[in-house]
C-alpha atoms as a PDB file:
ATOM      1  CA  MET A   1       6.911  47.538  24.785  1.00  0.00           C
ATOM      2  CA  PRO A   2       4.305  47.466  21.975  1.00  0.00           C
ATOM      3  CA  THR A   3       5.431  48.073  18.399  1.00  0.00           C
ATOM      4  CA  TRP A   4       3.478  50.520  16.280  1.00  0.00           C
ATOM      5  CA  VAL A   5       3.570  51.362  12.584  1.00  0.00           C
ATOM      6  CA  ALA A   6       2.404  54.562  10.967  1.00  0.00           C
ATOM      7  CA  LEU A   7       1.739  55.468   7.372  1.00  0.00           C
ATOM      8  CA  VAL A   8       2.700  59.100   6.925  1.00  0.00           C
ATOM      9  CA  GLU A   9       1.550  61.464   4.202  1.00  0.00           C
ATOM     10  CA  VAL A  10       2.859  64.941   3.407  1.00  0.00           C
ATOM     11  CA  THR A  11      -0.142  67.277   3.662  1.00  0.00           C
ATOM     12  CA  ASP A  12       0.321  70.907   4.676  1.00  0.00           C
ATOM     13  CA  ALA A  13       4.098  71.188   4.520  1.00  0.00           C
ATOM     14  CA  GLU A  14       5.948  72.765   1.622  1.00  0.00           C
ATOM     15  CA  PHE A  15       9.426  71.522   0.854  1.00  0.00           C
ATOM     16  CA  GLN A  16      12.008  72.885  -1.550  1.00  0.00           C
ATOM     17  CA  ASN A  17      13.707  69.533  -2.145  1.00  0.00           C
ATOM     18  CA  LEU A  18      13.856  65.907  -0.997  1.00  0.00           C
ATOM     19  CA  GLN A  19      16.714  66.585   1.416  1.00  0.00           C
ATOM     20  CA  GLU A  20      14.582  69.132   3.266  1.00  0.00           C
ATOM     21  CA  LEU A  21      11.682  66.668   3.358  1.00  0.00           C
ATOM     22  CA  THR A  22      13.756  63.883   4.892  1.00  0.00           C
ATOM     23  CA  SER A  23      15.374  66.216   7.429  1.00  0.00           C
ATOM     24  CA  ILE A  24      12.049  66.626   9.255  1.00  0.00           C
ATOM     25  CA  TRP A  25      12.593  63.238  10.909  1.00  0.00           C
ATOM     26  CA  GLY A  26      15.506  64.723  12.853  1.00  0.00           C
ATOM     27  CA  ASP A  27      13.152  67.431  14.119  1.00  0.00           C
ATOM     28  CA  VAL A  28      10.534  64.828  15.025  1.00  0.00           C
ATOM     29  CA  ARG A  29      13.119  62.735  16.927  1.00  0.00           C
ATOM     30  CA  LEU A  30      14.247  65.767  18.930  1.00  0.00           C
ATOM     31  CA  GLU A  31      10.700  66.747  19.812  1.00  0.00           C
ATOM     32  CA  VAL A  32       9.853  63.182  20.841  1.00  0.00           C
ATOM     33  CA  GLU A  33      12.901  63.057  23.114  1.00  0.00           C
ATOM     34  CA  GLU A  34      11.743  66.266  24.786  1.00  0.00           C
ATOM     35  CA  LEU A  35       8.144  65.097  25.158  1.00  0.00           C
ATOM     36  CA  ASN A  36       8.430  61.429  26.014  1.00  0.00           C
ATOM     37  CA  SER A  37      11.735  59.594  26.214  1.00  0.00           C
ATOM     38  CA  GLU A  38       9.877  56.257  26.341  1.00  0.00           C
ATOM     39  CA  ILE A  39       9.099  56.410  22.613  1.00  0.00           C
ATOM     40  CA  GLU A  40      11.743  54.784  20.462  1.00  0.00           C
ATOM     41  CA  ILE A  41      11.691  55.365  16.709  1.00  0.00           C
ATOM     42  CA  ILE A  42      13.041  52.131  15.253  1.00  0.00           C
ATOM     43  CA  ASP A  43      12.937  52.767  11.497  1.00  0.00           C
ATOM     44  CA  THR A  44      11.717  55.270   8.963  1.00  0.00           C
ATOM     45  CA  TYR A  45      11.222  54.418   5.291  1.00  0.00           C
ATOM     46  CA  ALA A  46      10.429  56.595   2.292  1.00  0.00           C
ATOM     47  CA  LEU A  47       7.618  55.070   0.245  1.00  0.00           C
ATOM     48  CA  LEU A  48       6.539  55.257  -3.362  1.00  0.00           C
ATOM     49  CA  GLY A  49       2.779  55.414  -3.691  1.00  0.00           C
ATOM     50  CA  ARG A  50      -0.093  56.963  -1.764  1.00  0.00           C
ATOM     51  CA  TYR A  51       1.912  57.377   1.443  1.00  0.00           C
ATOM     52  CA  ASP A  52       5.264  59.116   1.683  1.00  0.00           C
ATOM     53  CA  PHE A  53       6.801  57.445   4.746  1.00  0.00           C
ATOM     54  CA  LEU A  54       6.492  54.372   6.934  1.00  0.00           C
ATOM     55  CA  LEU A  55       7.410  54.908  10.574  1.00  0.00           C
ATOM     56  CA  VAL A  56       8.099  51.960  12.909  1.00  0.00           C
ATOM     57  CA  PHE A  57       8.355  52.762  16.610  1.00  0.00           C
ATOM     58  CA  GLU A  58       7.841  51.444  20.107  1.00  0.00           C
ATOM     59  CA  ALA A  59       5.649  53.248  22.624  1.00  0.00           C
ATOM     60  CA  PRO A  60       4.393  52.191  26.052  1.00  0.00           C
ATOM     61  CA  ASP A  61       0.782  53.276  25.560  1.00  0.00           C
ATOM     62  CA  ARG A  62      -1.691  55.187  23.430  1.00  0.00           C
ATOM     63  CA  ASP A  63      -0.976  58.458  25.208  1.00  0.00           C
ATOM     64  CA  ALA A  64       2.637  58.273  24.052  1.00  0.00           C
ATOM     65  CA  VAL A  65       1.482  57.421  20.519  1.00  0.00           C
ATOM     66  CA  PHE A  66      -0.784  60.473  20.593  1.00  0.00           C
ATOM     67  CA  GLU A  67       2.184  62.672  21.600  1.00  0.00           C
ATOM     68  CA  LEU A  68       4.224  61.327  18.682  1.00  0.00           C
ATOM     69  CA  SER A  69       1.309  61.853  16.314  1.00  0.00           C
ATOM     70  CA  LEU A  70       1.033  65.501  17.359  1.00  0.00           C
ATOM     71  CA  ALA A  71       4.786  65.996  16.893  1.00  0.00           C
ATOM     72  CA  VAL A  72       4.594  64.548  13.379  1.00  0.00           C
ATOM     73  CA  GLU A  73       1.520  66.548  12.451  1.00  0.00           C
ATOM     74  CA  ARG A  74       3.195  69.785  13.603  1.00  0.00           C
ATOM     75  CA  GLN A  75       5.680  69.144  10.773  1.00  0.00           C
ATOM     76  CA  GLY A  76       2.867  69.279   8.190  1.00  0.00           C
ATOM     77  CA  LEU A  77       2.419  65.527   7.918  1.00  0.00           C
ATOM     78  CA  ASP A  78      -0.614  63.300   8.430  1.00  0.00           C
ATOM     79  CA  MET A  79      -0.107  60.057  10.334  1.00  0.00           C
ATOM     80  CA  THR A  80      -2.283  56.920  10.319  1.00  0.00           C
ATOM     81  CA  THR A  81      -1.163  54.679  13.181  1.00  0.00           C
ATOM     82  CA  MET A  82      -1.702  50.983  13.859  1.00  0.00           C
ATOM     83  CA  GLU A  83      -0.426  48.712  16.603  1.00  0.00           C
ATOM     84  CA  GLY A  84       1.679  45.861  15.261  1.00  0.00           C
ATOM     85  CA  VAL A  85       1.205  42.421  16.810  1.00  0.00           C
ATOM     86  CA  PRO A  86       4.037  39.899  16.318  1.00  0.00           C
ATOM     87  CA  ILE A  87       2.838  36.907  14.265  1.00  0.00           C
ATOM     88  CA  ASP A  88       3.776  34.464  17.056  1.00  0.00           C
ATOM     89  CA  HIS A  89       1.620  36.369  19.545  1.00  0.00           C
ATOM     90  CA  PHE A  90      -1.179  36.698  17.009  1.00  0.00           C
ATOM     91  CA  ALA A  91      -1.110  32.921  16.424  1.00  0.00           C
ATOM     92  CA  GLU A  92      -1.412  32.378  20.196  1.00  0.00           C
ATOM     93  CA  LEU A  93      -4.477  34.654  20.307  1.00  0.00           C
ATOM     94  CA  VAL A  94      -6.110  32.773  17.447  1.00  0.00           C
ATOM     95  CA  ALA A  95      -5.314  29.401  19.068  1.00  0.00           C
ATOM     96  CA  ASP A  96      -7.044  30.544  22.278  1.00  0.00           C
ATOM     97  CA  GLN A  97     -10.319  31.125  20.402  1.00  0.00           C
END
């Protein structure tokens, strides 16, 4: 299953403290399970800098990624998503050129 990464930024949401901010990922996981059990959230990292979180997940297709994006954005977050290509596979693609 393809691996995806997303840079996530807090936009519309208002949080009282950091604990409340990090607890939204539990809500996102629950919503994803209800919507599409094929999505697997692998890791979530808090970031220092322009973006607030890094989300690493597996999803079968773009439709599933779109569902996850909507679930995240309903929590007041903005998500920029990219498909990750393993370096070994990327090297094979370059070698074929």
